[in-house]
Amino acid sequence: MKKVPVLDVHTAAALVKEGDTLLQGGFGMTGNPVHLMHALAEIGTKNLTFIGNNTGETGLGGGRLLRNGQLKKLIGSFFTSNPDAVKAAQNGTVDYELLPQGTLAEAIRAGGAGIGGFYTPTSAGTPLAQGRETKVIDGVEQVFIKSIRGNVAFIRAWRADTAGNLQYRMTENNFNKAMATAADLVIAEVEEIVAVGEIAPEFVHTPGCFVDYLVQATLTLEDLGSSASVSSSKKVDESRMNMARRALAELKKGDVVNLGIGIPTLVADLITEEQGIILHTENGMLGVGPVPADGGGAMDYPVNAGKIPVTALKGSSYFDSADSFAMIRGGHIDVAIMGGLEADEAANLANWAVPGKPLLGVGGAMDLAKGAKRLIITMTHTNPDGSPKIVPQCTLPLTATGVVDLVITDLAVFGYPNGKLTLLELMPGATLEEVQAKTSANFSMSE
């Protein structure tokens, strides 16, 4: 069996050439080849096209290359969390292309499989579909996405053997598995390197034929940024908890449920083991449990899509981001609960872009909105300036069209029976007059 060369981190990073397209694994700082990225930052190689879910946190991982001016273009799913990326996009120092998270994962997997591209309903009818070929397949509008490959892939695994076989740990799999297949040169940063045979065949997640070089680098708490530990809990407004409780009431035993960030994450704190609800997270986990009670962080626990350390319930499983979104697009998620900026009379949703700000962070919202069997939106009834969020027609950039099943606000619950926006019930303390005054959409009232 072949033996994969082991390089020091700077020698490996120097294999990236000026003008290369660089794939970087990781979800936030979890499974992020941070040591390779920092070595590349020290070397200073420029004019790079960066492809990854996000650039890492400010000054960490790809964020360090961005701050150095080494990146000419960003292609990914969620750059909003890095203020340097937002600033660079606003002042035009970097070009950027935003892809829904599942589309990004599938494009990389397709590139690694020698497939030229694919059609997906995700992003159809939204600004991200502009300029792309579309086609109606089986009555559904779909967008053509070209596959993605890179010159070099930096990935992170937990263990490798000397033949280059890789094993990932918990949610550190994320984009790494697909990226290991989709570059001309693959460099795997790993925690430890063991002899051939010490990783049982059934625990090899990436076969060694995909890996060109290994780098051994020990992970530290500083490498993980904000996901290193669980932050102290904050007092939650009662109206937000009321929305979470009302959303929970919609779930049935055995439902596979994905929770978005914001108010939806509060639902997780209310779920009991007896309810038998199975939580799914986009970055590769099914069976998400509550946050660790011992204050432990991402060195000891998996993380969810909000990059928060969580526990794993009995029967949980881990997988890569491409498989996670195959579950979503394939209709295996029963309910998605997401936040919203606007919902309208036609059940359209806008929840990812704010006027005047770069469109830098769509994440998995478009995939979930299209793929989940049922979509529940939780949001405040009005914006801070008092303007309504339930409107005749969405004015903000769309997430998806005709997808919303239920809207839960701090004032009311709306549904779409027979395709018509309908007030179903009032929330505690709300009056019909207040709901009418603060809703610009036309709606019917249920009995």
Protein backbone atom coordinates (compact mmCIF):
# COMPACT_ATOMS: atom_id res chain seq x y z
CA MET A 1 0.00 0.00 0.00
CA LYS A 2 1.29 3.46 -0.88
CA LYS A 3 2.70 5.76 1.77
CA VAL A 4 1.48 9.36 1.66
CA PRO A 5 4.22 11.95 2.27
CA VAL A 6 4.05 13.89 5.53
CA LEU A 7 5.05 17.55 5.21
CA ASP A 8 5.55 20.35 7.69
CA VAL A 9 2.77 22.90 7.56
CA HIS A 10 4.74 25.62 5.73
CA THR A 11 6.10 23.29 3.06
CA ALA A 12 2.56 22.06 2.43
CA ALA A 13 1.08 25.55 2.30
CA ALA A 14 3.77 26.61 -0.18
CA LEU A 15 2.27 24.17 -2.71
CA VAL A 16 -0.49 26.73 -3.29
CA LYS A 17 0.51 28.95 -6.21
CA GLU A 18 -0.47 32.51 -7.04
CA GLY A 19 -3.85 32.59 -8.82
CA ASP A 20 -4.91 29.15 -7.56
CA THR A 21 -8.44 28.18 -6.62
CA LEU A 22 -8.32 26.95 -3.02
CA LEU A 23 -10.98 24.75 -1.43
CA GLN A 24 -11.08 25.03 2.37
CA GLY A 25 -13.01 22.57 4.49
CA GLY A 26 -14.73 23.45 7.71
CA PHE A 27 -17.97 24.85 9.06
CA GLY A 28 -17.03 27.96 10.97
CA MET A 29 -13.87 26.84 12.76
CA THR A 30 -15.05 23.23 13.21
CA GLY A 31 -13.12 20.88 10.95
CA ASN A 32 -11.21 23.88 9.65
CA PRO A 33 -7.60 23.32 8.46
CA VAL A 34 -6.61 26.41 10.41
CA HIS A 35 -2.88 25.63 10.66
CA LEU A 36 -2.54 25.28 6.89
CA MET A 37 -4.47 28.50 6.36
CA HIS A 38 -2.32 30.41 8.83
CA ALA A 39 0.86 29.08 7.23
CA LEU A 40 -0.43 30.24 3.85
CA ALA A 41 -1.11 33.65 5.38
CA GLU A 42 2.52 33.82 6.54
CA ILE A 43 3.78 32.85 3.08
CA GLY A 44 1.60 35.55 1.53
CA THR A 45 0.52 33.86 -1.74
CA LYS A 46 -1.93 36.22 -3.48
CA ASN A 47 -4.74 36.40 -6.05
CA LEU A 48 -6.43 33.31 -4.67
CA THR A 49 -10.02 32.28 -5.29
CA PHE A 50 -11.37 30.96 -1.98
CA ILE A 51 -14.12 28.33 -1.97
CA GLY A 52 -15.66 27.31 1.33
CA ASN A 53 -18.80 27.60 3.40
CA ASN A 54 -17.36 30.66 5.14
CA THR A 55 -13.96 32.30 5.57
CA GLY A 56 -13.68 31.50 9.26
CA GLU A 57 -13.87 34.07 12.01
CA THR A 58 -12.16 37.45 11.95
CA GLY A 59 -8.42 36.85 11.76
CA LEU A 60 -8.77 33.06 11.90
CA GLY A 61 -8.45 30.59 9.03
CA GLY A 62 -9.43 32.14 5.72
CA GLY A 63 -10.22 35.32 7.61
CA ARG A 64 -6.49 35.86 8.04
CA LEU A 65 -5.89 35.56 4.29
CA LEU A 66 -8.77 37.96 3.65
CA ARG A 67 -7.29 40.51 6.05
CA ASN A 68 -3.91 40.15 4.31
CA GLY A 69 -5.42 40.93 0.90
CA GLN A 70 -4.53 37.49 -0.48
CA LEU A 71 -8.03 36.64 -1.71
CA LYS A 72 -9.37 38.05 -4.97
CA LYS A 73 -12.69 36.19 -4.94
CA LEU A 74 -14.92 34.41 -2.43
CA ILE A 75 -17.28 31.60 -3.43
CA GLY A 76 -19.38 30.21 -0.62
CA SER A 77 -22.52 30.21 1.44
CA PHE A 78 -22.15 32.41 4.51
CA PHE A 79 -19.63 35.24 4.75
CA THR A 80 -21.77 37.67 6.75
CA SER A 81 -20.36 36.50 10.10
CA ASN A 82 -16.95 37.89 9.19
CA PRO A 83 -16.98 41.74 9.28
CA ASP A 84 -13.82 41.81 7.15
CA ALA A 85 -15.64 39.93 4.38
CA VAL A 86 -18.57 42.35 4.50
CA LYS A 87 -16.23 45.33 4.35
CA ALA A 88 -14.20 43.83 1.48
CA ALA A 89 -17.37 43.15 -0.49
CA GLN A 90 -18.74 46.63 0.14
CA ASN A 91 -15.57 48.42 -1.00
CA GLY A 92 -15.03 46.08 -3.96
CA THR A 93 -11.65 44.71 -2.92
CA VAL A 94 -12.96 41.15 -3.42
CA ASP A 95 -15.41 39.66 -5.88
CA TYR A 96 -17.86 37.19 -4.43
CA GLU A 97 -20.35 34.58 -5.55
CA LEU A 98 -22.98 33.40 -3.11
CA LEU A 99 -24.39 29.86 -3.33
CA PRO A 100 -26.96 28.22 -1.06
CA GLN A 101 -25.17 25.91 1.33
CA GLY A 102 -26.60 22.70 -0.08
CA THR A 103 -25.93 23.84 -3.63
CA LEU A 104 -22.32 24.55 -2.68
CA ALA A 105 -21.89 21.11 -1.11
CA GLU A 106 -23.48 19.35 -4.08
CA ALA A 107 -21.45 21.36 -6.61
CA ILE A 108 -18.25 20.26 -4.87
CA ARG A 109 -19.41 16.65 -4.71
CA ALA A 110 -20.32 16.78 -8.41
CA GLY A 111 -16.91 18.23 -9.25
CA GLY A 112 -15.23 15.40 -7.39
CA ALA A 113 -17.38 12.84 -9.19
CA GLY A 114 -16.63 14.13 -12.68
CA ILE A 115 -20.14 15.49 -13.22
CA GLY A 116 -20.37 18.75 -15.16
CA GLY A 117 -23.31 20.19 -13.25
CA PHE A 118 -26.88 19.60 -12.09
CA TYR A 119 -30.33 21.15 -11.78
CA THR A 120 -31.82 22.02 -8.39
CA PRO A 121 -35.05 23.75 -7.30
CA THR A 122 -33.07 25.59 -4.61
CA SER A 123 -32.83 29.35 -5.36
CA ALA A 124 -35.37 29.24 -8.21
CA GLY A 125 -37.21 32.56 -8.36
CA THR A 126 -34.64 34.34 -6.18
CA PRO A 127 -31.81 36.81 -6.92
CA LEU A 128 -29.30 33.95 -6.78
CA ALA A 129 -30.87 32.42 -9.89
CA GLN A 130 -30.36 35.54 -11.99
CA GLY A 131 -28.09 34.93 -14.94
CA ARG A 132 -28.30 31.14 -14.58
CA GLU A 133 -30.00 28.69 -16.92
CA THR A 134 -33.35 27.44 -15.62
CA LYS A 135 -35.56 24.58 -16.74
CA VAL A 136 -38.92 23.18 -15.65
CA ILE A 137 -38.50 19.50 -14.74
CA ASP A 138 -41.59 17.51 -13.70
CA GLY A 139 -43.45 20.79 -13.25
CA VAL A 140 -40.81 22.32 -10.94
CA GLU A 141 -38.59 25.24 -11.93
CA GLN A 142 -34.95 24.28 -11.43
CA VAL A 143 -31.66 26.14 -11.68
CA PHE A 144 -28.55 24.80 -13.40
CA ILE A 145 -25.41 24.82 -11.25
CA LYS A 146 -21.98 24.11 -12.68
CA SER A 147 -19.83 21.74 -10.65
CA ILE A 148 -16.87 23.02 -8.63
CA ARG A 149 -13.25 21.90 -8.59
CA GLY A 150 -10.11 23.53 -7.20
CA ASN A 151 -6.38 23.47 -7.77
CA VAL A 152 -5.73 22.71 -4.10
CA ALA A 153 -7.92 21.54 -1.22
CA PHE A 154 -6.98 22.12 2.42
CA ILE A 155 -9.05 19.77 4.57
CA ARG A 156 -9.05 18.76 8.23
CA ALA A 157 -9.52 15.23 9.63
CA TRP A 158 -9.11 13.80 13.10
CA ARG A 159 -6.92 10.83 12.21
CA ALA A 160 -4.99 9.56 9.22
CA ASP A 161 -2.99 6.44 8.63
CA THR A 162 0.24 6.48 6.68
CA ALA A 163 -1.64 5.46 3.51
CA GLY A 164 -3.72 8.65 3.71
CA ASN A 165 -6.99 7.07 4.86
CA LEU A 166 -8.90 9.67 6.88
CA GLN A 167 -11.32 9.48 9.80
CA TYR A 168 -13.42 12.50 10.79
CA ARG A 169 -14.67 13.26 14.29
CA MET A 170 -18.30 14.22 14.98
CA THR A 171 -19.39 17.31 12.98
CA GLU A 172 -15.83 17.95 11.76
CA ASN A 173 -16.76 16.05 8.59
CA ASN A 174 -18.93 18.85 7.08
CA PHE A 175 -17.39 19.99 3.74
CA ASN A 176 -14.12 18.09 4.15
CA LYS A 177 -15.23 14.77 2.67
CA ALA A 178 -16.49 16.26 -0.60
CA MET A 179 -13.55 18.66 -0.92
CA ALA A 180 -11.12 15.75 -0.60
CA THR A 181 -12.43 14.51 -3.97
CA ALA A 182 -12.59 17.81 -5.83
CA ALA A 183 -9.09 19.22 -6.19
CA ASP A 184 -5.97 18.45 -8.20
CA LEU A 185 -3.91 18.46 -5.00
CA VAL A 186 -5.37 17.49 -1.60
CA ILE A 187 -3.55 18.26 1.64
CA ALA A 188 -5.07 16.85 4.83
CA GLU A 189 -4.26 18.45 8.17
CA VAL A 190 -4.82 15.86 10.91
CA GLU A 191 -4.58 15.58 14.65
CA GLU A 192 -2.64 12.32 14.58
CA ILE A 193 -1.08 9.93 12.07
CA VAL A 194 -1.20 6.21 12.85
CA ALA A 195 0.09 3.06 11.19
CA VAL A 196 -1.84 1.38 8.39
CA GLY A 197 -4.43 -0.92 9.91
CA GLU A 198 -5.05 1.13 13.04
CA ILE A 199 -8.12 2.72 11.44
CA ALA A 200 -10.56 -0.11 10.80
CA PRO A 201 -11.87 -0.14 7.22
CA GLU A 202 -15.43 0.64 8.34
CA PHE A 203 -14.17 3.83 10.03
CA VAL A 204 -12.35 5.19 6.97
CA HIS A 205 -14.43 8.14 5.76
CA THR A 206 -12.08 9.34 3.00
CA PRO A 207 -9.98 6.65 1.27
CA GLY A 208 -6.29 7.40 0.87
CA CYS A 209 -6.46 7.52 -2.95
CA PHE A 210 -7.86 11.04 -2.64
CA VAL A 211 -5.08 12.38 -0.40
CA ASP A 212 -1.71 13.63 -1.69
CA TYR A 213 -0.04 14.95 1.46
CA LEU A 214 -0.53 14.86 5.22
CA VAL A 215 0.27 17.51 7.81
CA GLN A 216 0.13 16.74 11.53
CA ALA A 217 -1.12 19.70 13.60
CA THR A 218 -2.58 19.73 17.10
CA LEU A 219 -5.87 21.55 17.60
CA THR A 220 -6.12 24.05 20.48
CA LEU A 221 -8.98 26.02 22.02
CA GLU A 222 -7.66 29.17 20.35
CA ASP A 223 -8.06 27.53 16.94
CA LEU A 224 -11.81 27.14 17.46
CA GLY A 225 -12.68 30.78 18.05
CA SER A 226 -16.16 31.43 19.44
CA SER A 227 -17.19 27.75 19.30
CA ALA A 228 -14.48 26.80 21.82
CA SER A 229 -16.97 26.84 24.69
CA VAL A 230 -20.65 27.34 25.47
CA SER A 231 -21.44 30.93 26.35
CA SER A 232 -23.56 31.67 29.39
CA SER A 233 -27.29 31.64 28.73
CA LYS A 234 -29.17 34.90 28.46
CA LYS A 235 -32.64 35.72 29.68
CA VAL A 236 -35.11 35.27 26.82
CA ASP A 237 -38.06 37.58 26.28
CA GLU A 238 -41.36 35.86 27.13
CA SER A 239 -42.93 36.73 23.77
CA ARG A 240 -40.11 34.89 22.01
CA MET A 241 -40.61 31.88 24.25
CA ASN A 242 -44.34 31.96 23.45
CA MET A 243 -43.51 31.70 19.76
CA ALA A 244 -41.16 28.79 20.44
CA ARG A 245 -43.81 26.99 22.52
CA ARG A 246 -46.41 27.50 19.79
CA ALA A 247 -44.03 26.13 17.17
CA LEU A 248 -43.31 23.10 19.36
CA ALA A 249 -47.04 22.38 19.49
CA GLU A 250 -46.94 21.77 15.73
CA LEU A 251 -44.43 18.92 16.02
CA LYS A 252 -45.35 15.24 16.25
CA LYS A 253 -43.52 12.31 17.75
CA GLY A 254 -40.95 10.97 15.32
CA ASP A 255 -40.73 14.16 13.27
CA VAL A 256 -37.31 14.97 11.82
CA VAL A 257 -36.97 18.71 12.38
CA ASN A 258 -34.47 21.36 11.35
CA LEU A 259 -34.27 24.54 13.42
CA GLY A 260 -32.97 27.81 12.01
CA ILE A 261 -31.05 30.38 14.02
CA GLY A 262 -32.82 32.95 16.21
CA ILE A 263 -36.23 32.17 17.71
CA PRO A 264 -36.34 28.62 16.25
CA THR A 265 -33.31 27.57 18.31
CA LEU A 266 -35.39 28.17 21.45
CA VAL A 267 -37.58 25.22 20.44
CA ALA A 268 -34.66 22.88 21.11
CA ASP A 269 -34.64 23.89 24.77
CA LEU A 270 -38.29 22.86 25.11
CA ILE A 271 -38.08 19.40 23.52
CA THR A 272 -38.11 16.46 25.94
CA GLU A 273 -36.88 12.94 25.30
CA GLU A 274 -40.44 11.65 25.67
CA GLN A 275 -41.61 13.75 22.70
CA GLY A 276 -39.38 11.72 20.38
CA ILE A 277 -38.55 14.61 18.05
CA ILE A 278 -35.33 14.15 16.03
CA LEU A 279 -33.34 17.32 15.37
CA HIS A 280 -31.28 17.67 12.20
CA THR A 281 -28.52 20.18 11.55
CA GLU A 282 -27.21 21.17 8.12
CA ASN A 283 -23.54 20.63 8.95
CA GLY A 284 -23.98 16.90 9.38
CA MET A 285 -25.81 15.55 12.42
CA LEU A 286 -29.10 13.80 13.14
CA GLY A 287 -30.18 13.45 16.77
CA VAL A 288 -29.04 16.78 18.20
CA GLY A 289 -29.28 17.08 21.97
CA PRO A 290 -29.17 20.09 24.32
CA VAL A 291 -26.07 22.20 24.90
CA PRO A 292 -23.50 20.58 27.21
CA ALA A 293 -24.28 21.03 30.88
CA ASP A 294 -20.60 20.94 31.78
CA GLY A 295 -19.71 24.05 29.77
CA GLY A 296 -17.60 22.02 27.34
CA GLY A 297 -16.97 23.26 23.84
CA ALA A 298 -16.18 22.09 20.33
CA MET A 299 -13.06 20.22 21.47
CA ASP A 300 -15.35 17.77 23.23
CA TYR A 301 -18.74 18.03 21.50
CA PRO A 302 -20.29 18.38 18.05
CA VAL A 303 -21.62 21.77 16.95
CA ASN A 304 -24.94 22.69 15.38
CA ALA A 305 -25.59 24.97 12.40
CA GLY A 306 -25.38 27.99 14.70
CA LYS A 307 -21.81 26.85 15.54
CA ILE A 308 -22.90 26.15 19.13
CA PRO A 309 -21.58 23.02 20.92
CA VAL A 310 -24.37 20.46 21.49
CA THR A 311 -24.71 16.94 22.82
CA ALA A 312 -25.57 13.80 20.88
CA LEU A 313 -28.63 11.78 21.87
CA LYS A 314 -28.75 8.00 21.75
CA GLY A 315 -29.06 6.89 18.14
CA SER A 316 -27.46 10.04 16.73
CA SER A 317 -25.43 9.94 13.54
CA TYR A 318 -22.84 12.12 11.79
CA PHE A 319 -22.35 12.64 8.05
CA ASP A 320 -21.01 15.22 5.63
CA SER A 321 -22.71 18.38 4.43
CA ALA A 322 -23.52 16.94 0.99
CA ASP A 323 -25.43 14.04 2.56
CA SER A 324 -27.10 16.42 4.99
CA PHE A 325 -28.53 18.50 2.16
CA ALA A 326 -29.46 15.39 0.21
CA MET A 327 -31.71 14.61 3.18
CA ILE A 328 -33.20 18.11 2.91
CA ARG A 329 -33.71 18.22 -0.85
CA GLY A 330 -34.84 14.60 -0.90
CA GLY A 331 -37.82 15.31 1.34
CA HIS A 332 -36.55 13.53 4.45
CA ILE A 333 -37.00 16.55 6.76
CA ASP A 334 -40.56 16.65 8.09
CA VAL A 335 -40.54 20.21 9.44
CA ALA A 336 -38.24 23.22 9.15
CA ILE A 337 -38.73 26.08 11.59
CA MET A 338 -37.04 29.25 10.39
CA GLY A 339 -36.94 32.94 11.14
CA GLY A 340 -38.34 35.46 8.71
CA LEU A 341 -38.04 39.04 7.54
CA GLU A 342 -41.22 38.98 5.42
CA ALA A 343 -43.98 36.57 4.46
CA ASP A 344 -46.76 37.44 2.04
CA GLU A 345 -50.21 36.49 0.80
CA ALA A 346 -48.77 34.00 -1.72
CA ALA A 347 -46.79 32.09 0.95
CA ASN A 348 -43.52 33.55 -0.30
CA LEU A 349 -40.66 33.97 2.16
CA ALA A 350 -37.86 36.53 2.48
CA ASN A 351 -35.43 35.86 5.32
CA TRP A 352 -31.84 36.25 4.21
CA ALA A 353 -31.06 39.69 2.80
CA VAL A 354 -31.45 43.22 4.16
CA PRO A 355 -31.52 46.28 1.86
CA GLY A 356 -28.26 48.21 1.70
CA LYS A 357 -26.10 45.32 2.87
CA PRO A 358 -24.07 42.93 0.68
CA LEU A 359 -25.82 39.67 -0.07
CA LEU A 360 -23.21 37.60 1.72
CA GLY A 361 -25.07 35.06 3.84
CA VAL A 362 -27.78 32.72 2.60
CA GLY A 363 -26.63 29.55 4.41
CA GLY A 364 -29.06 26.66 4.18
CA ALA A 365 -32.28 28.70 4.17
CA MET A 366 -33.12 28.26 0.48
CA ASP A 367 -32.54 24.50 0.55
CA LEU A 368 -34.69 24.05 3.64
CA ALA A 369 -37.48 26.30 2.41
CA LYS A 370 -37.78 24.24 -0.77
CA GLY A 371 -36.99 20.80 0.62
CA ALA A 372 -38.76 20.45 3.97
CA LYS A 373 -42.19 18.84 3.88
CA ARG A 374 -43.57 21.62 6.10
CA LEU A 375 -42.22 25.13 6.73
CA ILE A 376 -43.02 27.12 9.87
CA ILE A 377 -41.83 30.72 10.18
CA THR A 378 -41.35 32.39 13.56
CA MET A 379 -40.78 36.15 13.64
CA THR A 380 -41.86 39.35 15.33
CA HIS A 381 -45.00 40.76 13.79
CA THR A 382 -43.37 44.08 12.90
CA ASN A 383 -39.94 45.56 12.28
CA PRO A 384 -38.35 47.82 14.92
CA ASP A 385 -39.80 50.84 13.10
CA GLY A 386 -43.31 49.38 13.37
CA SER A 387 -43.64 48.42 9.70
CA PRO A 388 -45.38 45.08 9.07
CA LYS A 389 -43.62 41.84 8.18
CA ILE A 390 -46.74 40.09 6.88
CA VAL A 391 -47.25 41.94 3.62
CA PRO A 392 -49.25 41.70 0.37
CA GLN A 393 -46.09 40.90 -1.58
CA CYS A 394 -42.52 40.48 -0.34
CA THR A 395 -40.31 43.44 -1.17
CA LEU A 396 -37.08 41.95 0.21
CA PRO A 397 -35.03 39.44 -1.84
CA LEU A 398 -36.90 36.14 -1.87
CA THR A 399 -35.73 32.96 -0.17
CA ALA A 400 -38.33 30.78 -1.90
CA THR A 401 -41.76 31.10 -3.49
CA GLY A 402 -45.01 29.52 -2.30
CA VAL A 403 -43.40 27.53 0.51
CA VAL A 404 -44.71 28.87 3.85
CA ASP A 405 -47.22 26.69 5.71
CA LEU A 406 -47.51 28.53 9.03
CA VAL A 407 -46.41 31.92 10.37
CA ILE A 408 -46.12 32.38 14.13
CA THR A 409 -45.53 35.92 15.40
CA ASP A 410 -45.65 37.49 18.83
CA LEU A 411 -49.24 38.55 18.02
CA ALA A 412 -50.83 35.85 15.90
CA VAL A 413 -50.70 32.57 14.02
CA PHE A 414 -51.40 32.56 10.27
CA GLY A 415 -51.83 29.63 7.90
CA TYR A 416 -52.67 29.12 4.24
CA PRO A 417 -55.72 26.82 4.10
CA ASN A 418 -56.87 26.47 0.50
CA GLY A 419 -53.92 28.68 -0.48
CA LYS A 420 -55.30 31.78 1.24
CA LEU A 421 -53.58 33.69 4.06
CA THR A 422 -55.76 33.11 7.11
CA LEU A 423 -55.59 34.26 10.73
CA LEU A 424 -55.85 31.07 12.78
CA GLU A 425 -55.44 32.34 16.34
CA LEU A 426 -54.20 35.17 18.51
CA MET A 427 -51.14 34.88 20.73
CA PRO A 428 -51.39 35.63 24.48
CA GLY A 429 -52.18 39.27 25.16
CA ALA A 430 -52.86 40.19 21.52
CA THR A 431 -56.11 41.62 20.18
CA LEU A 432 -57.68 41.32 16.75
CA GLU A 433 -57.60 45.09 16.34
CA GLU A 434 -53.85 45.17 16.98
CA VAL A 435 -53.21 42.38 14.48
CA GLN A 436 -55.30 44.13 11.83
CA ALA A 437 -53.51 47.42 12.41
CA LYS A 438 -50.05 45.85 12.17
CA THR A 439 -50.66 43.57 9.15
CA SER A 440 -50.64 45.11 5.66
CA ALA A 441 -51.53 41.84 3.90
CA ASN A 442 -55.15 40.94 3.24
CA PHE A 443 -56.19 37.89 5.23
CA SER A 444 -59.22 35.81 6.07
CA MET A 445 -60.18 34.75 9.57
CA SER A 446 -60.82 31.18 10.66
CA GLU A 447 -63.72 30.40 12.91
